[in-house]
Amino acid sequence: MTHSYNNQMATSVHPRLDNLLASLSLNLAEESLTALERAAGLAGSATIALLALEEILGDAHVGRIAAMLGLTHSGAVRLVSQLERAGLAERRSGADRRRVEVRLTPAGRRRAREAREARDAVVQQATGGLTGEEATLLEGLLGKLVEARVARRIERRKAGESGAFWCRTCDFAACGRPEGRCPAQVTADKAFHP
């Protein structure tokens, strides 16, 4: 018997599937992030903030941006300053004047769309060879995986852990959120509004 790390792990029911999924998710994430950053002309959290402000947050205060991205308040302030310096966002007084709201400039909205298109192109390269039947099957299976991971994330949040929101880079129209088909939103609604 060896004492390697791999022999200390619990035995997987589906070792090949687990390995393929881990490899695919890691590589898609790396390639997607690279495409996002190149198109946005930004790096790391700034790129994700650009997408979140464009799709989800709209005019949002810094605290909401911090919560969405899993950042500290001071980290979100620095992030907003970076977007401002790049001409992609602007601050303005909120409705109650105690809060400062952030919104994308027209250049920021354009850059967010370009970044999302670049990310989507990477994913479409991965799924483009699937037949319609295969794509439908994969969509259903991925929906189940998203539900399971979101449920786990909600458990951690209820236990006091923080972290970024699941849908921070989503395209709501593509995921079916307006029609109530987003597996992340459906799972969250069940958890918080039983």
N, C-alpha and C. Protein backbone atom coordinates (compact mmCIF):
# COMPACT_ATOMS: atom_id res chain seq x y z
N MET A 1 0.84 -1.18 0.00
CA MET A 1 0.00 0.00 0.00
C MET A 1 0.88 1.25 0.00
N THR A 2 0.54 2.19 -0.83
CA THR A 2 1.30 3.44 -0.86
C THR A 2 0.59 4.48 0.01
N HIS A 3 1.31 5.53 0.29
CA HIS A 3 0.74 6.60 1.11
C HIS A 3 0.62 7.87 0.28
N SER A 4 0.32 7.73 -0.98
CA SER A 4 0.17 8.89 -1.84
C SER A 4 -1.14 9.61 -1.54
N TYR A 5 -1.20 10.83 -1.97
CA TYR A 5 -2.42 11.64 -1.80
C TYR A 5 -3.61 10.94 -2.43
N ASN A 6 -3.45 10.43 -3.64
CA ASN A 6 -4.55 9.79 -4.35
C ASN A 6 -5.12 8.60 -3.60
N ASN A 7 -4.30 7.85 -2.88
CA ASN A 7 -4.80 6.70 -2.14
C ASN A 7 -5.49 7.10 -0.84
N GLN A 8 -5.36 8.35 -0.44
CA GLN A 8 -6.03 8.83 0.77
C GLN A 8 -7.43 9.36 0.45
N MET A 9 -7.74 9.54 -0.81
CA MET A 9 -9.02 10.11 -1.23
C MET A 9 -10.11 9.05 -1.16
N ALA A 10 -11.34 9.50 -0.93
CA ALA A 10 -12.48 8.60 -0.97
C ALA A 10 -12.62 8.06 -2.39
N THR A 11 -13.07 6.84 -2.50
CA THR A 11 -13.24 6.22 -3.80
C THR A 11 -14.42 6.86 -4.51
N SER A 12 -14.22 7.23 -5.74
CA SER A 12 -15.27 7.85 -6.54
C SER A 12 -16.15 6.78 -7.17
N VAL A 13 -17.42 7.09 -7.26
CA VAL A 13 -18.35 6.19 -7.94
C VAL A 13 -18.12 6.26 -9.45
N HIS A 14 -17.74 7.43 -9.93
CA HIS A 14 -17.54 7.66 -11.37
C HIS A 14 -16.17 8.32 -11.59
N PRO A 15 -15.07 7.61 -11.38
CA PRO A 15 -13.75 8.26 -11.44
C PRO A 15 -13.44 8.89 -12.79
N ARG A 16 -13.77 8.24 -13.89
CA ARG A 16 -13.46 8.82 -15.20
C ARG A 16 -14.31 10.06 -15.44
N LEU A 17 -15.60 9.98 -15.13
CA LEU A 17 -16.49 11.13 -15.28
C LEU A 17 -15.99 12.30 -14.43
N ASP A 18 -15.65 12.02 -13.19
CA ASP A 18 -15.16 13.08 -12.29
C ASP A 18 -13.90 13.73 -12.86
N ASN A 19 -13.00 12.92 -13.36
CA ASN A 19 -11.76 13.44 -13.92
C ASN A 19 -12.02 14.27 -15.17
N LEU A 20 -12.87 13.76 -16.06
CA LEU A 20 -13.20 14.52 -17.29
C LEU A 20 -13.88 15.84 -16.96
N LEU A 21 -14.81 15.82 -16.02
CA LEU A 21 -15.51 17.04 -15.65
C LEU A 21 -14.57 18.05 -15.00
N ALA A 22 -13.68 17.56 -14.13
CA ALA A 22 -12.70 18.46 -13.50
C ALA A 22 -11.79 19.08 -14.54
N SER A 23 -11.31 18.27 -15.45
CA SER A 23 -10.41 18.76 -16.51
C SER A 23 -11.12 19.77 -17.41
N LEU A 24 -12.33 19.43 -17.84
CA LEU A 24 -13.09 20.32 -18.72
C LEU A 24 -13.41 21.64 -18.01
N SER A 25 -13.90 21.56 -16.77
CA SER A 25 -14.30 22.78 -16.08
C SER A 25 -13.10 23.69 -15.83
N LEU A 26 -11.97 23.12 -15.44
CA LEU A 26 -10.78 23.93 -15.21
C LEU A 26 -10.32 24.60 -16.50
N ASN A 27 -10.24 23.83 -17.56
CA ASN A 27 -9.74 24.40 -18.82
C ASN A 27 -10.72 25.38 -19.45
N LEU A 28 -12.01 25.10 -19.39
CA LEU A 28 -12.99 26.08 -19.87
C LEU A 28 -12.92 27.36 -19.06
N ALA A 29 -12.76 27.22 -17.75
CA ALA A 29 -12.65 28.41 -16.89
C ALA A 29 -11.43 29.23 -17.25
N GLU A 30 -10.30 28.58 -17.42
CA GLU A 30 -9.07 29.31 -17.78
C GLU A 30 -9.20 30.00 -19.13
N GLU A 31 -9.69 29.26 -20.14
CA GLU A 31 -9.82 29.84 -21.48
C GLU A 31 -10.87 30.94 -21.51
N SER A 32 -11.97 30.74 -20.78
CA SER A 32 -13.03 31.76 -20.74
C SER A 32 -12.54 33.03 -20.05
N LEU A 33 -11.84 32.87 -18.94
CA LEU A 33 -11.32 34.04 -18.22
C LEU A 33 -10.32 34.80 -19.09
N THR A 34 -9.46 34.07 -19.78
CA THR A 34 -8.50 34.73 -20.67
C THR A 34 -9.23 35.52 -21.75
N ALA A 35 -10.26 34.93 -22.34
CA ALA A 35 -11.04 35.62 -23.39
C ALA A 35 -11.75 36.84 -22.82
N LEU A 36 -12.33 36.69 -21.63
CA LEU A 36 -13.01 37.82 -20.97
C LEU A 36 -12.03 38.96 -20.72
N GLU A 37 -10.88 38.63 -20.16
CA GLU A 37 -9.90 39.67 -19.80
C GLU A 37 -9.36 40.37 -21.03
N ARG A 38 -9.08 39.61 -22.09
CA ARG A 38 -8.58 40.25 -23.32
C ARG A 38 -9.62 41.21 -23.90
N ALA A 39 -10.87 40.76 -23.98
CA ALA A 39 -11.91 41.60 -24.57
C ALA A 39 -12.24 42.80 -23.70
N ALA A 40 -12.17 42.62 -22.38
CA ALA A 40 -12.50 43.71 -21.47
C ALA A 40 -11.33 44.67 -21.28
N GLY A 41 -10.11 44.19 -21.53
CA GLY A 41 -8.94 45.00 -21.27
C GLY A 41 -8.70 45.16 -19.77
N LEU A 42 -9.20 44.21 -18.99
CA LEU A 42 -9.08 44.24 -17.54
C LEU A 42 -8.58 42.88 -17.06
N ALA A 43 -8.40 42.76 -15.76
CA ALA A 43 -7.97 41.48 -15.21
C ALA A 43 -8.76 41.15 -13.96
N GLY A 44 -8.89 39.86 -13.69
CA GLY A 44 -9.47 39.36 -12.45
C GLY A 44 -10.85 39.87 -12.14
N SER A 45 -11.03 40.33 -10.90
CA SER A 45 -12.35 40.75 -10.41
C SER A 45 -12.93 41.92 -11.20
N ALA A 46 -12.08 42.74 -11.78
CA ALA A 46 -12.59 43.89 -12.55
C ALA A 46 -13.39 43.41 -13.75
N THR A 47 -12.94 42.35 -14.39
CA THR A 47 -13.67 41.79 -15.53
C THR A 47 -15.01 41.25 -15.09
N ILE A 48 -15.02 40.52 -13.99
CA ILE A 48 -16.26 39.93 -13.47
C ILE A 48 -17.21 41.04 -13.03
N ALA A 49 -16.69 42.09 -12.41
CA ALA A 49 -17.52 43.22 -12.00
C ALA A 49 -18.18 43.88 -13.19
N LEU A 50 -17.44 44.01 -14.27
CA LEU A 50 -17.99 44.61 -15.49
C LEU A 50 -19.22 43.83 -15.95
N LEU A 51 -19.11 42.50 -15.99
CA LEU A 51 -20.24 41.66 -16.42
C LEU A 51 -21.39 41.74 -15.42
N ALA A 52 -21.08 41.71 -14.14
CA ALA A 52 -22.12 41.76 -13.11
C ALA A 52 -22.88 43.08 -13.15
N LEU A 53 -22.16 44.18 -13.32
CA LEU A 53 -22.82 45.49 -13.40
C LEU A 53 -23.70 45.58 -14.65
N GLU A 54 -23.27 44.97 -15.71
CA GLU A 54 -24.03 45.05 -16.96
C GLU A 54 -25.28 44.17 -16.92
N GLU A 55 -25.20 42.99 -16.37
CA GLU A 55 -26.31 42.04 -16.43
C GLU A 55 -27.20 42.05 -15.20
N ILE A 56 -26.60 42.16 -14.02
CA ILE A 56 -27.35 41.94 -12.79
C ILE A 56 -27.55 43.21 -11.97
N LEU A 57 -26.47 43.90 -11.73
CA LEU A 57 -26.48 44.95 -10.72
C LEU A 57 -27.05 46.28 -11.18
N GLY A 58 -26.86 46.62 -12.43
CA GLY A 58 -27.30 47.94 -12.88
C GLY A 58 -26.62 49.01 -12.07
N ASP A 59 -27.39 49.95 -11.53
CA ASP A 59 -26.85 50.96 -10.62
C ASP A 59 -26.80 50.31 -9.24
N ALA A 60 -25.61 50.04 -8.75
CA ALA A 60 -25.47 49.34 -7.47
C ALA A 60 -24.52 50.08 -6.56
N HIS A 61 -24.77 49.98 -5.26
CA HIS A 61 -23.85 50.58 -4.31
C HIS A 61 -22.67 49.63 -4.10
N VAL A 62 -21.60 50.16 -3.58
CA VAL A 62 -20.35 49.42 -3.45
C VAL A 62 -20.53 48.17 -2.59
N GLY A 63 -21.35 48.26 -1.55
CA GLY A 63 -21.59 47.10 -0.69
C GLY A 63 -22.22 45.94 -1.45
N ARG A 64 -23.11 46.24 -2.35
CA ARG A 64 -23.75 45.19 -3.16
C ARG A 64 -22.75 44.57 -4.12
N ILE A 65 -21.89 45.38 -4.69
CA ILE A 65 -20.83 44.85 -5.56
C ILE A 65 -19.91 43.93 -4.77
N ALA A 66 -19.55 44.35 -3.57
CA ALA A 66 -18.68 43.53 -2.72
C ALA A 66 -19.34 42.18 -2.43
N ALA A 67 -20.62 42.20 -2.07
CA ALA A 67 -21.33 40.94 -1.76
C ALA A 67 -21.41 40.05 -3.00
N MET A 68 -21.73 40.62 -4.14
CA MET A 68 -21.88 39.84 -5.37
C MET A 68 -20.59 39.15 -5.76
N LEU A 69 -19.46 39.84 -5.58
CA LEU A 69 -18.18 39.30 -6.02
C LEU A 69 -17.39 38.61 -4.91
N GLY A 70 -17.91 38.63 -3.69
CA GLY A 70 -17.20 38.00 -2.59
C GLY A 70 -15.97 38.78 -2.16
N LEU A 71 -16.06 40.11 -2.23
CA LEU A 71 -14.93 40.99 -1.88
C LEU A 71 -15.21 41.71 -0.57
N THR A 72 -14.16 42.24 0.04
CA THR A 72 -14.35 43.15 1.16
C THR A 72 -14.85 44.48 0.61
N HIS A 73 -15.39 45.30 1.49
CA HIS A 73 -15.86 46.61 1.04
C HIS A 73 -14.71 47.43 0.45
N SER A 74 -13.55 47.41 1.13
CA SER A 74 -12.41 48.18 0.62
C SER A 74 -11.92 47.62 -0.71
N GLY A 75 -12.00 46.31 -0.88
CA GLY A 75 -11.62 45.71 -2.17
C GLY A 75 -12.55 46.15 -3.28
N ALA A 76 -13.84 46.25 -2.97
CA ALA A 76 -14.81 46.70 -3.96
C ALA A 76 -14.60 48.18 -4.30
N VAL A 77 -14.24 48.99 -3.31
CA VAL A 77 -13.96 50.41 -3.56
C VAL A 77 -12.78 50.54 -4.52
N ARG A 78 -11.71 49.77 -4.28
CA ARG A 78 -10.55 49.81 -5.18
C ARG A 78 -10.93 49.34 -6.59
N LEU A 79 -11.77 48.33 -6.66
CA LEU A 79 -12.23 47.80 -7.94
C LEU A 79 -13.01 48.86 -8.72
N VAL A 80 -13.92 49.55 -8.04
CA VAL A 80 -14.71 50.61 -8.68
C VAL A 80 -13.78 51.73 -9.15
N SER A 81 -12.79 52.06 -8.35
CA SER A 81 -11.82 53.09 -8.75
C SER A 81 -11.09 52.67 -10.02
N GLN A 82 -10.73 51.41 -10.11
CA GLN A 82 -10.06 50.89 -11.31
C GLN A 82 -10.98 51.02 -12.54
N LEU A 83 -12.25 50.66 -12.39
CA LEU A 83 -13.21 50.77 -13.50
C LEU A 83 -13.42 52.24 -13.89
N GLU A 84 -13.44 53.11 -12.90
CA GLU A 84 -13.58 54.55 -13.17
C GLU A 84 -12.40 55.09 -13.95
N ARG A 85 -11.18 54.74 -13.50
CA ARG A 85 -9.97 55.21 -14.19
C ARG A 85 -9.95 54.75 -15.65
N ALA A 86 -10.50 53.58 -15.91
CA ALA A 86 -10.55 53.05 -17.28
C ALA A 86 -11.70 53.64 -18.08
N GLY A 87 -12.52 54.50 -17.46
CA GLY A 87 -13.65 55.12 -18.15
C GLY A 87 -14.82 54.16 -18.37
N LEU A 88 -14.88 53.08 -17.58
CA LEU A 88 -15.91 52.06 -17.78
C LEU A 88 -17.06 52.17 -16.79
N ALA A 89 -16.85 52.90 -15.71
CA ALA A 89 -17.90 53.07 -14.69
C ALA A 89 -17.79 54.46 -14.11
N GLU A 90 -18.89 54.87 -13.47
CA GLU A 90 -18.91 56.16 -12.81
C GLU A 90 -19.69 56.05 -11.51
N ARG A 91 -19.31 56.87 -10.54
CA ARG A 91 -20.01 56.93 -9.26
C ARG A 91 -20.96 58.10 -9.29
N ARG A 92 -22.07 57.92 -8.57
CA ARG A 92 -23.01 59.03 -8.41
C ARG A 92 -23.73 58.87 -7.09
N SER A 93 -24.31 59.94 -6.59
CA SER A 93 -25.03 59.88 -5.32
C SER A 93 -26.25 59.00 -5.47
N GLY A 94 -26.50 58.21 -4.43
CA GLY A 94 -27.68 57.35 -4.43
C GLY A 94 -28.92 58.13 -4.07
N ALA A 95 -30.06 57.46 -4.09
CA ALA A 95 -31.33 58.11 -3.82
C ALA A 95 -31.39 58.71 -2.43
N ASP A 96 -30.80 58.04 -1.43
CA ASP A 96 -30.84 58.57 -0.07
C ASP A 96 -29.59 59.34 0.31
N ARG A 97 -28.69 59.60 -0.60
CA ARG A 97 -27.46 60.37 -0.45
C ARG A 97 -26.46 59.78 0.53
N ARG A 98 -26.82 58.72 1.23
CA ARG A 98 -25.86 58.08 2.13
C ARG A 98 -25.02 57.06 1.38
N ARG A 99 -25.50 56.68 0.23
CA ARG A 99 -24.79 55.67 -0.55
C ARG A 99 -24.33 56.25 -1.86
N VAL A 100 -23.22 55.74 -2.29
CA VAL A 100 -22.71 56.08 -3.62
C VAL A 100 -23.04 54.90 -4.51
N GLU A 101 -23.66 55.17 -5.64
CA GLU A 101 -24.00 54.11 -6.59
C GLU A 101 -23.01 54.12 -7.73
N VAL A 102 -22.83 52.97 -8.32
CA VAL A 102 -21.91 52.78 -9.43
C VAL A 102 -22.71 52.29 -10.62
N ARG A 103 -22.41 52.86 -11.77
CA ARG A 103 -23.04 52.36 -13.00
C ARG A 103 -22.02 52.39 -14.12
N LEU A 104 -22.26 51.55 -15.09
CA LEU A 104 -21.36 51.50 -16.24
C LEU A 104 -21.60 52.68 -17.14
N THR A 105 -20.55 53.14 -17.74
CA THR A 105 -20.65 54.16 -18.79
C THR A 105 -21.02 53.45 -20.09
N PRO A 106 -21.37 54.18 -21.14
CA PRO A 106 -21.61 53.51 -22.42
C PRO A 106 -20.42 52.67 -22.87
N ALA A 107 -19.20 53.16 -22.63
CA ALA A 107 -18.00 52.37 -22.97
C ALA A 107 -17.94 51.10 -22.13
N GLY A 108 -18.33 51.18 -20.87
CA GLY A 108 -18.34 50.01 -19.99
C GLY A 108 -19.36 48.98 -20.44
N ARG A 109 -20.54 49.44 -20.84
CA ARG A 109 -21.56 48.50 -21.34
C ARG A 109 -21.10 47.82 -22.62
N ARG A 110 -20.48 48.58 -23.49
CA ARG A 110 -19.96 48.01 -24.75
C ARG A 110 -18.87 46.98 -24.46
N ARG A 111 -17.95 47.32 -23.57
CA ARG A 111 -16.86 46.41 -23.24
C ARG A 111 -17.40 45.15 -22.56
N ALA A 112 -18.43 45.28 -21.73
CA ALA A 112 -19.03 44.10 -21.08
C ALA A 112 -19.64 43.18 -22.12
N ARG A 113 -20.35 43.74 -23.10
CA ARG A 113 -20.93 42.91 -24.17
C ARG A 113 -19.85 42.20 -24.97
N GLU A 114 -18.78 42.92 -25.28
CA GLU A 114 -17.67 42.31 -26.03
C GLU A 114 -17.02 41.19 -25.22
N ALA A 115 -16.87 41.40 -23.92
CA ALA A 115 -16.26 40.37 -23.07
C ALA A 115 -17.15 39.13 -23.01
N ARG A 116 -18.46 39.34 -22.85
CA ARG A 116 -19.38 38.20 -22.79
C ARG A 116 -19.36 37.43 -24.11
N GLU A 117 -19.33 38.15 -25.22
CA GLU A 117 -19.27 37.49 -26.53
C GLU A 117 -17.99 36.67 -26.68
N ALA A 118 -16.88 37.19 -26.17
CA ALA A 118 -15.61 36.45 -26.24
C ALA A 118 -15.68 35.19 -25.38
N ARG A 119 -16.25 35.30 -24.19
CA ARG A 119 -16.41 34.13 -23.32
C ARG A 119 -17.33 33.10 -23.98
N ASP A 120 -18.44 33.57 -24.53
CA ASP A 120 -19.39 32.66 -25.19
C ASP A 120 -18.76 31.93 -26.36
N ALA A 121 -17.88 32.59 -27.08
CA ALA A 121 -17.22 31.95 -28.22
C ALA A 121 -16.37 30.76 -27.76
N VAL A 122 -15.71 30.90 -26.62
CA VAL A 122 -14.91 29.80 -26.09
C VAL A 122 -15.81 28.61 -25.76
N VAL A 123 -16.92 28.87 -25.09
CA VAL A 123 -17.83 27.79 -24.71
C VAL A 123 -18.46 27.17 -25.95
N GLN A 124 -18.82 27.99 -26.92
CA GLN A 124 -19.43 27.47 -28.15
C GLN A 124 -18.47 26.59 -28.93
N GLN A 125 -17.18 26.87 -28.83
CA GLN A 125 -16.20 25.98 -29.46
C GLN A 125 -16.23 24.60 -28.82
N ALA A 126 -16.50 24.56 -27.53
CA ALA A 126 -16.55 23.28 -26.81
C ALA A 126 -17.83 22.51 -27.11
N THR A 127 -18.94 23.21 -27.29
CA THR A 127 -20.23 22.54 -27.47
C THR A 127 -20.67 22.45 -28.93
N GLY A 128 -19.96 23.12 -29.81
CA GLY A 128 -20.37 23.20 -31.21
C GLY A 128 -20.47 21.88 -31.94
N GLY A 129 -19.75 20.87 -31.51
CA GLY A 129 -19.78 19.58 -32.19
C GLY A 129 -20.88 18.65 -31.72
N LEU A 130 -21.68 19.09 -30.75
CA LEU A 130 -22.76 18.25 -30.23
C LEU A 130 -23.97 18.26 -31.16
N THR A 131 -24.64 17.14 -31.26
CA THR A 131 -25.91 17.11 -31.99
C THR A 131 -26.96 17.81 -31.13
N GLY A 132 -28.11 18.10 -31.69
CA GLY A 132 -29.19 18.70 -30.92
C GLY A 132 -29.61 17.85 -29.75
N GLU A 133 -29.68 16.55 -29.97
CA GLU A 133 -30.06 15.61 -28.91
C GLU A 133 -29.00 15.59 -27.81
N GLU A 134 -27.74 15.56 -28.18
CA GLU A 134 -26.66 15.57 -27.19
C GLU A 134 -26.66 16.87 -26.38
N ALA A 135 -26.90 17.98 -27.08
CA ALA A 135 -26.92 19.28 -26.39
C ALA A 135 -28.06 19.34 -25.37
N THR A 136 -29.22 18.83 -25.74
CA THR A 136 -30.37 18.82 -24.84
C THR A 136 -30.08 17.94 -23.62
N LEU A 137 -29.49 16.77 -23.84
CA LEU A 137 -29.14 15.88 -22.74
C LEU A 137 -28.12 16.54 -21.82
N LEU A 138 -27.08 17.13 -22.39
CA LEU A 138 -26.04 17.78 -21.59
C LEU A 138 -26.62 18.96 -20.81
N GLU A 139 -27.51 19.73 -21.43
CA GLU A 139 -28.13 20.86 -20.74
C GLU A 139 -28.89 20.39 -19.50
N GLY A 140 -29.63 19.32 -19.63
CA GLY A 140 -30.36 18.78 -18.48
C GLY A 140 -29.43 18.30 -17.38
N LEU A 141 -28.38 17.59 -17.77
CA LEU A 141 -27.42 17.10 -16.78
C LEU A 141 -26.68 18.25 -16.09
N LEU A 142 -26.29 19.24 -16.87
CA LEU A 142 -25.61 20.39 -16.26
C LEU A 142 -26.54 21.15 -15.32
N GLY A 143 -27.81 21.23 -15.69
CA GLY A 143 -28.78 21.86 -14.79
C GLY A 143 -28.83 21.17 -13.44
N LYS A 144 -28.80 19.84 -13.44
CA LYS A 144 -28.79 19.08 -12.18
C LYS A 144 -27.52 19.36 -11.38
N LEU A 145 -26.38 19.45 -12.07
CA LEU A 145 -25.13 19.74 -11.37
C LEU A 145 -25.13 21.15 -10.79
N VAL A 146 -25.66 22.11 -11.54
CA VAL A 146 -25.76 23.48 -11.02
C VAL A 146 -26.64 23.51 -9.78
N GLU A 147 -27.79 22.83 -9.84
CA GLU A 147 -28.68 22.79 -8.68
C GLU A 147 -27.95 22.25 -7.45
N ALA A 148 -27.21 21.17 -7.62
CA ALA A 148 -26.49 20.55 -6.50
C ALA A 148 -25.43 21.49 -5.93
N ARG A 149 -24.67 22.14 -6.81
CA ARG A 149 -23.61 23.04 -6.33
C ARG A 149 -24.19 24.29 -5.69
N VAL A 150 -25.27 24.83 -6.24
CA VAL A 150 -25.89 26.01 -5.64
C VAL A 150 -26.47 25.65 -4.27
N ALA A 151 -27.08 24.49 -4.15
CA ALA A 151 -27.62 24.06 -2.86
C ALA A 151 -26.50 23.98 -1.83
N ARG A 152 -25.36 23.46 -2.22
CA ARG A 152 -24.21 23.39 -1.32
C ARG A 152 -23.72 24.78 -0.93
N ARG A 153 -23.68 25.67 -1.90
CA ARG A 153 -23.23 27.04 -1.62
C ARG A 153 -24.19 27.74 -0.66
N ILE A 154 -25.48 27.48 -0.83
CA ILE A 154 -26.48 28.07 0.07
C ILE A 154 -26.29 27.54 1.49
N GLU A 155 -26.02 26.25 1.62
CA GLU A 155 -25.75 25.67 2.95
C GLU A 155 -24.58 26.39 3.61
N ARG A 156 -23.53 26.63 2.84
CA ARG A 156 -22.36 27.32 3.40
C ARG A 156 -22.71 28.75 3.80
N ARG A 157 -23.50 29.44 2.98
CA ARG A 157 -23.91 30.81 3.32
C ARG A 157 -24.73 30.83 4.60
N LYS A 158 -25.66 29.89 4.72
CA LYS A 158 -26.49 29.82 5.93
C LYS A 158 -25.64 29.52 7.16
N ALA A 159 -24.51 28.86 6.97
CA ALA A 159 -23.60 28.56 8.07
C ALA A 159 -22.66 29.73 8.37
N GLY A 160 -22.82 30.83 7.64
CA GLY A 160 -22.03 32.02 7.92
C GLY A 160 -20.87 32.28 6.99
N GLU A 161 -20.63 31.38 6.04
CA GLU A 161 -19.54 31.61 5.08
C GLU A 161 -19.99 32.64 4.04
N SER A 162 -19.03 33.33 3.51
CA SER A 162 -19.34 34.27 2.43
C SER A 162 -18.69 33.75 1.16
N GLY A 163 -18.93 34.43 0.10
CA GLY A 163 -18.35 34.04 -1.17
C GLY A 163 -19.12 34.71 -2.29
N ALA A 164 -18.58 34.62 -3.47
CA ALA A 164 -19.20 35.26 -4.62
C ALA A 164 -20.52 34.58 -4.98
N PHE A 165 -21.41 35.34 -5.58
CA PHE A 165 -22.68 34.81 -6.04
C PHE A 165 -22.47 33.94 -7.27
N TRP A 166 -23.26 32.91 -7.41
CA TRP A 166 -23.15 31.96 -8.52
C TRP A 166 -23.33 32.66 -9.87
N CYS A 167 -24.34 33.47 -10.02
CA CYS A 167 -24.74 34.03 -11.32
C CYS A 167 -24.02 35.32 -11.70
N ARG A 168 -22.89 35.60 -11.11
CA ARG A 168 -22.25 36.91 -11.32
C ARG A 168 -21.82 37.17 -12.75
N THR A 169 -21.65 36.14 -13.57
CA THR A 169 -21.28 36.37 -14.97
C THR A 169 -22.31 35.80 -15.95
N CYS A 170 -23.47 35.43 -15.44
CA CYS A 170 -24.48 34.80 -16.29
C CYS A 170 -25.11 35.76 -17.29
N ASP A 171 -25.60 35.17 -18.35
CA ASP A 171 -26.46 35.84 -19.32
C ASP A 171 -27.87 35.36 -18.98
N PHE A 172 -28.66 36.20 -18.31
CA PHE A 172 -29.96 35.76 -17.82
C PHE A 172 -30.89 35.30 -18.93
N ALA A 173 -30.84 35.94 -20.07
CA ALA A 173 -31.71 35.51 -21.17
C ALA A 173 -31.34 34.10 -21.62
N ALA A 174 -30.05 33.82 -21.71
CA ALA A 174 -29.60 32.49 -22.16
C ALA A 174 -29.94 31.41 -21.15
N CYS A 175 -29.88 31.70 -19.86
CA CYS A 175 -30.13 30.66 -18.86
C CYS A 175 -31.60 30.45 -18.60
N GLY A 176 -32.44 31.33 -19.10
CA GLY A 176 -33.88 31.17 -18.91
C GLY A 176 -34.40 31.75 -17.61
N ARG A 177 -33.63 32.61 -16.98
CA ARG A 177 -34.06 33.20 -15.71
C ARG A 177 -35.39 33.93 -15.81
N PRO A 178 -35.61 34.75 -16.85
CA PRO A 178 -36.90 35.45 -16.91
C PRO A 178 -38.11 34.50 -16.98
N GLU A 179 -37.90 33.30 -17.51
CA GLU A 179 -38.99 32.32 -17.62
C GLU A 179 -39.03 31.36 -16.43
N GLY A 180 -38.15 31.57 -15.44
CA GLY A 180 -38.11 30.70 -14.28
C GLY A 180 -37.41 29.37 -14.52
N ARG A 181 -36.50 29.32 -15.52
CA ARG A 181 -35.80 28.08 -15.87
C ARG A 181 -34.37 28.02 -15.37
N CYS A 182 -33.88 29.06 -14.75
CA CYS A 182 -32.48 29.08 -14.27
C CYS A 182 -32.36 28.14 -13.08
N PRO A 183 -31.54 27.09 -13.18
CA PRO A 183 -31.44 26.14 -12.07
C PRO A 183 -30.88 26.77 -10.79
N ALA A 184 -30.01 27.74 -10.92
CA ALA A 184 -29.46 28.40 -9.73
C ALA A 184 -30.56 29.21 -9.03
N GLN A 185 -31.32 29.97 -9.79
CA GLN A 185 -32.37 30.80 -9.20
C GLN A 185 -33.48 29.94 -8.60
N VAL A 186 -33.88 28.88 -9.30
CA VAL A 186 -34.92 28.00 -8.80
C VAL A 186 -34.48 27.36 -7.48
N THR A 187 -33.23 26.91 -7.42
CA THR A 187 -32.70 26.30 -6.21
C THR A 187 -32.65 27.32 -5.06
N ALA A 188 -32.20 28.52 -5.34
CA ALA A 188 -32.14 29.56 -4.31
C ALA A 188 -33.55 29.93 -3.83
N ASP A 189 -34.49 30.04 -4.75
CA ASP A 189 -35.87 30.36 -4.35
C ASP A 189 -36.43 29.29 -3.42
N LYS A 190 -36.17 28.02 -3.74
CA LYS A 190 -36.65 26.93 -2.88
C LYS A 190 -36.02 26.99 -1.50
N ALA A 191 -34.75 27.36 -1.44
CA ALA A 191 -34.04 27.40 -0.16
C ALA A 191 -34.48 28.57 0.70
N PHE A 192 -34.72 29.71 0.09
CA PHE A 192 -35.03 30.91 0.86
C PHE A 192 -36.51 31.24 0.94
N HIS A 193 -37.31 30.63 0.07
CA HIS A 193 -38.77 30.89 0.06
C HIS A 193 -39.50 29.56 -0.12
N PRO A 194 -39.38 28.66 0.88
CA PRO A 194 -39.98 27.33 0.72
C PRO A 194 -41.49 27.34 0.61
